[in-house]
C-alpha atoms as a PDB file:
ATOM      1  CA  MET A   1      62.360  47.189 150.134  1.00  0.00           C
ATOM      2  CA  LYS A   2      59.619  49.312 149.230  1.00  0.00           C
ATOM      3  CA  SER A   3      60.067  51.223 152.927  1.00  0.00           C
ATOM      4  CA  LEU A   4      63.464  51.920 152.132  1.00  0.00           C
ATOM      5  CA  LYS A   5      63.119  53.199 148.273  1.00  0.00           C
ATOM      6  CA  PHE A   6      59.968  55.335 150.655  1.00  0.00           C
ATOM      7  CA  ALA A   7      62.561  56.321 153.070  1.00  0.00           C
ATOM      8  CA  ALA A   8      65.190  56.854 150.654  1.00  0.00           C
ATOM      9  CA  ALA A   9      62.649  59.347 148.896  1.00  0.00           C
ATOM     10  CA  ILE A  10      61.002  61.500 152.022  1.00  0.00           C
ATOM     11  CA  ALA A  11      65.165  61.835 153.026  1.00  0.00           C
ATOM     12  CA  PHE A  12      65.558  63.512 149.339  1.00  0.00           C
ATOM     13  CA  VAL A  13      62.343  65.359 149.383  1.00  0.00           C
ATOM     14  CA  VAL A  14      63.237  66.452 153.363  1.00  0.00           C
ATOM     15  CA  MET A  15      67.278  67.597 152.266  1.00  0.00           C
ATOM     16  CA  LEU A  16      65.722  69.528 149.596  1.00  0.00           C
ATOM     17  CA  PHE A  17      63.163  71.388 151.045  1.00  0.00           C
ATOM     18  CA  GLY A  18      65.425  71.925 153.833  1.00  0.00           C
ATOM     19  CA  SER A  19      68.881  73.299 152.296  1.00  0.00           C
ATOM     20  CA  SER A  20      66.665  75.802 150.681  1.00  0.00           C
ATOM     21  CA  LEU A  21      65.123  76.760 153.608  1.00  0.00           C
ATOM     22  CA  MET A  22      68.420  76.924 154.910  1.00  0.00           C
ATOM     23  CA  ALA A  23      69.436  79.001 152.158  1.00  0.00           C
ATOM     24  CA  ARG A  24      67.120  81.736 152.880  1.00  0.00           C
ATOM     25  CA  ALA A  25      67.457  81.998 156.739  1.00  0.00           C
ATOM     26  CA  ALA A  26      71.677  81.970 155.701  1.00  0.00           C
ATOM     27  CA  ASP A  27      70.859  84.533 153.413  1.00  0.00           C
ATOM     28  CA  PRO A  28      73.900  87.221 155.027  1.00  0.00           C
ATOM     29  CA  GLU A  29      72.870  90.403 153.388  1.00  0.00           C
ATOM     30  CA  ASN A  30      69.362  89.577 154.716  1.00  0.00           C
ATOM     31  CA  THR A  31      70.080  88.709 158.106  1.00  0.00           C
ATOM     32  CA  LEU A  32      70.209  91.363 161.109  1.00  0.00           C
ATOM     33  CA  ILE A  33      72.195  90.471 164.005  1.00  0.00           C
ATOM     34  CA  LEU A  34      71.490  92.424 166.894  1.00  0.00           C
ATOM     35  CA  THR A  35      73.630  92.358 169.856  1.00  0.00           C
ATOM     36  CA  LEU A  36      71.766  92.570 173.294  1.00  0.00           C
ATOM     37  CA  LYS A  37      73.181  92.132 176.939  1.00  0.00           C
ATOM     38  CA  ASP A  38      72.178  88.837 177.318  1.00  0.00           C
ATOM     39  CA  GLY A  39      73.262  87.195 173.841  1.00  0.00           C
ATOM     40  CA  ASP A  40      72.473  87.995 169.855  1.00  0.00           C
ATOM     41  CA  VAL A  41      69.125  87.855 168.151  1.00  0.00           C
ATOM     42  CA  THR A  42      69.708  86.336 164.603  1.00  0.00           C
ATOM     43  CA  ILE A  43      66.630  88.394 162.506  1.00  0.00           C
ATOM     44  CA  THR A  44      66.087  86.773 158.590  1.00  0.00           C
ATOM     45  CA  LEU A  45      64.799  89.746 156.968  1.00  0.00           C
ATOM     46  CA  LEU A  46      62.002  89.223 154.418  1.00  0.00           C
ATOM     47  CA  PRO A  47      62.741  91.499 151.391  1.00  0.00           C
ATOM     48  CA  ASP A  48      60.396  89.807 149.352  1.00  0.00           C
ATOM     49  CA  LEU A  49      58.082  90.795 151.284  1.00  0.00           C
ATOM     50  CA  ALA A  50      58.792  94.645 152.397  1.00  0.00           C
ATOM     51  CA  PRO A  51      61.696  95.678 149.926  1.00  0.00           C
ATOM     52  CA  LYS A  52      61.414  99.345 151.145  1.00  0.00           C
ATOM     53  CA  HIS A  53      61.025  98.713 155.064  1.00  0.00           C
ATOM     54  CA  VAL A  54      63.965  96.205 154.829  1.00  0.00           C
ATOM     55  CA  GLU A  55      66.186  98.415 152.623  1.00  0.00           C
ATOM     56  CA  GLN A  56      65.691 101.400 155.055  1.00  0.00           C
ATOM     57  CA  ILE A  57      66.310  99.381 157.947  1.00  0.00           C
ATOM     58  CA  LYS A  58      69.825  97.817 156.868  1.00  0.00           C
ATOM     59  CA  LYS A  59      70.988 101.252 155.636  1.00  0.00           C
ATOM     60  CA  LEU A  60      70.397 102.325 159.030  1.00  0.00           C
ATOM     61  CA  VAL A  61      72.191  99.378 160.351  1.00  0.00           C
ATOM     62  CA  ARG A  62      74.983 100.119 158.140  1.00  0.00           C
ATOM     63  CA  ALA A  63      74.886 103.759 159.680  1.00  0.00           C
ATOM     64  CA  GLY A  64      75.314 102.686 163.083  1.00  0.00           C
ATOM     65  CA  GLU A  65      71.648 104.225 164.149  1.00  0.00           C
ATOM     66  CA  TYR A  66      70.376 101.294 166.058  1.00  0.00           C
ATOM     67  CA  ASP A  67      73.745 101.202 167.950  1.00  0.00           C
ATOM     68  CA  ASN A  68      72.753 101.668 171.827  1.00  0.00           C
ATOM     69  CA  VAL A  69      68.830 102.537 170.852  1.00  0.00           C
ATOM     70  CA  ALA A  70      66.379 101.470 173.831  1.00  0.00           C
ATOM     71  CA  PHE A  71      63.885  98.974 173.791  1.00  0.00           C
ATOM     72  CA  HIS A  72      61.584 101.673 174.981  1.00  0.00           C
ATOM     73  CA  ARG A  73      58.054  99.855 175.149  1.00  0.00           C
ATOM     74  CA  VAL A  74      57.953  96.247 175.866  1.00  0.00           C
ATOM     75  CA  ILE A  75      54.529  94.562 176.676  1.00  0.00           C
ATOM     76  CA  ASP A  76      54.808  91.247 178.848  1.00  0.00           C
ATOM     77  CA  GLY A  77      53.165  88.911 176.262  1.00  0.00           C
ATOM     78  CA  PHE A  78      53.067  91.296 173.347  1.00  0.00           C
ATOM     79  CA  MET A  79      56.225  92.889 171.953  1.00  0.00           C
ATOM     80  CA  ALA A  80      59.398  94.486 172.815  1.00  0.00           C
ATOM     81  CA  GLN A  81      59.665  98.025 170.719  1.00  0.00           C
ATOM     82  CA  THR A  82      62.799  99.442 169.796  1.00  0.00           C
ATOM     83  CA  GLY A  83      64.573 101.533 166.871  1.00  0.00           C
ATOM     84  CA  ASP A  84      64.089 105.489 168.233  1.00  0.00           C
ATOM     85  CA  VAL A  85      67.010 106.812 166.506  1.00  0.00           C
ATOM     86  CA  LYS A  86      66.183 110.125 166.922  1.00  0.00           C
ATOM     87  CA  TYR A  87      65.441 109.936 171.167  1.00  0.00           C
ATOM     88  CA  GLY A  88      66.242 106.446 171.800  1.00  0.00           C
ATOM     89  CA  ASP A  89      70.113 106.218 171.339  1.00  0.00           C
ATOM     90  CA  MET A  90      71.198 105.705 175.017  1.00  0.00           C
ATOM     91  CA  LYS A  91      74.868 106.654 174.381  1.00  0.00           C
ATOM     92  CA  ASP A  92      73.753 110.058 172.694  1.00  0.00           C
ATOM     93  CA  GLY A  93      70.784 111.801 173.065  1.00  0.00           C
ATOM     94  CA  PHE A  94      68.064 109.629 175.355  1.00  0.00           C
ATOM     95  CA  ASP A  95      65.397 111.563 176.248  1.00  0.00           C
ATOM     96  CA  GLY A  96      63.073 109.449 178.478  1.00  0.00           C
ATOM     97  CA  ASN A  97      60.207 111.777 177.227  1.00  0.00           C
ATOM     98  CA  LEU A  98      59.981 111.942 173.660  1.00  0.00           C
ATOM     99  CA  VAL A  99      61.492 108.236 173.520  1.00  0.00           C
ATOM    100  CA  GLY A 100      59.263 106.564 171.104  1.00  0.00           C
ATOM    101  CA  THR A 101      58.126 109.499 169.143  1.00  0.00           C
ATOM    102  CA  GLY A 102      61.211 109.749 166.697  1.00  0.00           C
ATOM    103  CA  GLY A 103      62.407 108.319 163.498  1.00  0.00           C
ATOM    104  CA  SER A 104      65.548 108.678 161.165  1.00  0.00           C
ATOM    105  CA  GLU A 105      66.256 111.358 158.712  1.00  0.00           C
ATOM    106  CA  LEU A 106      65.496 108.993 156.113  1.00  0.00           C
ATOM    107  CA  PRO A 107      61.788 110.175 154.948  1.00  0.00           C
ATOM    108  CA  ASP A 108      58.995 107.598 156.410  1.00  0.00           C
ATOM    109  CA  LEU A 109      57.948 104.535 154.546  1.00  0.00           C
ATOM    110  CA  PRO A 110      54.815 103.727 152.336  1.00  0.00           C
ATOM    111  CA  ALA A 111      52.852 100.419 154.004  1.00  0.00           C
ATOM    112  CA  GLU A 112      53.937  96.662 152.677  1.00  0.00           C
ATOM    113  CA  PHE A 113      51.200  95.039 154.503  1.00  0.00           C
ATOM    114  CA  SER A 114      51.006  91.590 154.037  1.00  0.00           C
ATOM    115  CA  LYS A 115      47.689  89.235 153.903  1.00  0.00           C
ATOM    116  CA  THR A 116      49.966  86.268 153.865  1.00  0.00           C
ATOM    117  CA  GLU A 117      52.256  86.640 156.738  1.00  0.00           C
ATOM    118  CA  HIS A 118      50.902  86.950 160.828  1.00  0.00           C
ATOM    119  CA  PHE A 119      52.212  88.818 163.951  1.00  0.00           C
ATOM    120  CA  VAL A 120      52.953  85.339 165.927  1.00  0.00           C
ATOM    121  CA  ARG A 121      55.966  85.149 168.279  1.00  0.00           C
ATOM    122  CA  GLY A 122      59.054  85.806 166.658  1.00  0.00           C
ATOM    123  CA  VAL A 123      57.853  88.520 163.899  1.00  0.00           C
ATOM    124  CA  VAL A 124      59.429  91.691 163.401  1.00  0.00           C
ATOM    125  CA  GLY A 125      57.638  94.589 162.388  1.00  0.00           C
ATOM    126  CA  MET A 126      57.329  97.879 161.809  1.00  0.00           C
ATOM    127  CA  ALA A 127      56.123 100.265 164.746  1.00  0.00           C
ATOM    128  CA  ARG A 128      54.066 103.610 163.005  1.00  0.00           C
ATOM    129  CA  ALA A 129      51.977 106.519 164.092  1.00  0.00           C
ATOM    130  CA  GLN A 130      47.858 106.013 163.034  1.00  0.00           C
ATOM    131  CA  ASN A 131      49.001 106.957 159.275  1.00  0.00           C
ATOM    132  CA  PRO A 132      49.707 103.509 157.667  1.00  0.00           C
ATOM    133  CA  ASN A 133      52.585 105.259 155.638  1.00  0.00           C
ATOM    134  CA  SER A 134      54.668 106.311 158.321  1.00  0.00           C
ATOM    135  CA  ALA A 135      57.015 103.911 159.852  1.00  0.00           C
ATOM    136  CA  ASN A 136      60.603 104.989 159.610  1.00  0.00           C
ATOM    137  CA  SER A 137      62.985 103.218 161.776  1.00  0.00           C
ATOM    138  CA  GLN A 138      61.028 101.667 164.887  1.00  0.00           C
ATOM    139  CA  PHE A 139      60.303  98.368 164.991  1.00  0.00           C
ATOM    140  CA  PHE A 140      59.112  95.460 167.193  1.00  0.00           C
ATOM    141  CA  ILE A 141      59.614  91.499 167.778  1.00  0.00           C
ATOM    142  CA  MET A 142      56.458  89.793 168.630  1.00  0.00           C
ATOM    143  CA  PHE A 143      56.630  87.949 172.074  1.00  0.00           C
ATOM    144  CA  GLY A 144      53.570  86.458 171.053  1.00  0.00           C
ATOM    145  CA  THR A 145      50.598  86.207 168.805  1.00  0.00           C
ATOM    146  CA  ALA A 146      48.429  89.146 167.621  1.00  0.00           C
ATOM    147  CA  PRO A 147      46.158  88.872 165.006  1.00  0.00           C
ATOM    148  CA  SER A 148      44.767  92.419 165.348  1.00  0.00           C
ATOM    149  CA  LEU A 149      47.915  93.477 164.053  1.00  0.00           C
ATOM    150  CA  ASP A 150      47.405  91.410 160.940  1.00  0.00           C
ATOM    151  CA  GLY A 151      47.228  93.286 157.693  1.00  0.00           C
ATOM    152  CA  ASP A 152      47.898  96.689 158.969  1.00  0.00           C
ATOM    153  CA  TYR A 153      51.302  96.612 160.062  1.00  0.00           C
ATOM    154  CA  THR A 154      54.410  95.929 157.674  1.00  0.00           C
ATOM    155  CA  ILE A 155      56.102  92.201 158.621  1.00  0.00           C
ATOM    156  CA  VAL A 156      60.352  92.903 158.341  1.00  0.00           C
ATOM    157  CA  GLY A 157      61.470  89.588 159.123  1.00  0.00           C
ATOM    158  CA  LYS A 158      61.461  86.664 161.695  1.00  0.00           C
ATOM    159  CA  VAL A 159      63.486  85.696 164.661  1.00  0.00           C
ATOM    160  CA  ALA A 160      65.974  82.514 163.221  1.00  0.00           C
ATOM    161  CA  SER A 161      67.578  82.770 166.783  1.00  0.00           C
ATOM    162  CA  GLY A 162      67.711  84.143 169.971  1.00  0.00           C
ATOM    163  CA  MET A 163      64.393  84.501 170.759  1.00  0.00           C
ATOM    164  CA  ASP A 164      65.113  83.437 174.738  1.00  0.00           C
ATOM    165  CA  VAL A 165      67.500  86.632 174.360  1.00  0.00           C
ATOM    166  CA  VAL A 166      64.321  88.836 173.405  1.00  0.00           C
ATOM    167  CA  ASP A 167      62.186  87.358 176.098  1.00  0.00           C
ATOM    168  CA  ALA A 168      64.841  88.133 178.551  1.00  0.00           C
ATOM    169  CA  ILE A 169      64.446  91.975 177.708  1.00  0.00           C
ATOM    170  CA  LYS A 170      63.555  94.245 180.705  1.00  0.00           C
ATOM    171  CA  LYS A 171      59.647  94.697 180.638  1.00  0.00           C
ATOM    172  CA  GLY A 172      57.758  98.083 181.262  1.00  0.00           C
ATOM    173  CA  ASP A 173      54.567  99.184 183.209  1.00  0.00           C
ATOM    174  CA  GLU A 174      51.708  97.823 181.779  1.00  0.00           C
ATOM    175  CA  ALA A 175      50.250 100.699 183.076  1.00  0.00           C
ATOM    176  CA  GLN A 176      52.205 103.200 181.242  1.00  0.00           C
ATOM    177  CA  ASN A 177      51.497 101.258 178.161  1.00  0.00           C
ATOM    178  CA  GLY A 178      54.739  99.585 178.736  1.00  0.00           C
ATOM    179  CA  ALA A 179      56.992 102.116 179.086  1.00  0.00           C
ATOM    180  CA  VAL A 180      60.635 100.815 180.399  1.00  0.00           C
ATOM    181  CA  GLY A 181      62.122 102.692 182.683  1.00  0.00           C
ATOM    182  CA  ASN A 182      66.008 102.474 182.688  1.00  0.00           C
ATOM    183  CA  PRO A 183      65.667 100.063 179.618  1.00  0.00           C
ATOM    184  CA  ASP A 184      67.952  97.540 178.333  1.00  0.00           C
ATOM    185  CA  ARG A 185      69.293  98.443 174.709  1.00  0.00           C
ATOM    186  CA  ILE A 186      70.512  97.400 171.256  1.00  0.00           C
ATOM    187  CA  VAL A 187      74.065  96.993 172.153  1.00  0.00           C
ATOM    188  CA  LYS A 188      75.505  96.411 168.149  1.00  0.00           C
ATOM    189  CA  ALA A 189      72.945  95.685 164.984  1.00  0.00           C
ATOM    190  CA  LYS A 190      75.106  94.825 162.199  1.00  0.00           C
ATOM    191  CA  ILE A 191      74.357  93.285 158.622  1.00  0.00           C
ATOM    192  CA  ALA A 192      76.071  89.513 158.773  1.00  0.00           C
ATOM    193  CA  ALA A 193      77.641  90.035 155.116  1.00  0.00           C
ATOM    194  CA  ASP A 194      79.601  92.993 156.906  1.00  0.00           C
ATOM    195  CA  LYS A 195      81.308  90.789 158.835  1.00  0.00           C
END
């Protein structure tokens, strides 16, 4: 009888915490869906961690800025970078020499670095120049762990599903710092609340 009560108590705790985690993961306003050639990648955005960055990403998604944008820098075992809406649009304005140097017409963002979250597989971070306050539109998805990025780059989300799709993104030339010839792209980006 005691073991039955204990099992019921454990089930209740799991249900209680599990439902709150599911609610967070399933918040459509903070769920980014990237459609790639091999399927969808669903990303849980983290506005509590990086409110300004998440808001800017959502503005750019809703304006269609990420559609057809190349994964211009992809380093096997490290990360896949995309989001250059100025030079990375493969249907309108792609420039293989400048991709990775552009951003959006929105202002650059002040750093929102975290001391509690870490760059591990599936984490989504904002790319930036050497100035910590220069993130704009470019972001990357981690293939593996990179403690050297912790506290120096803004974390904006985590892949909730579709990491196998991320793994299939065409890799770049390591000798060229991951630059990708004929890169894969974001076919379509949308916020789940906008379906």
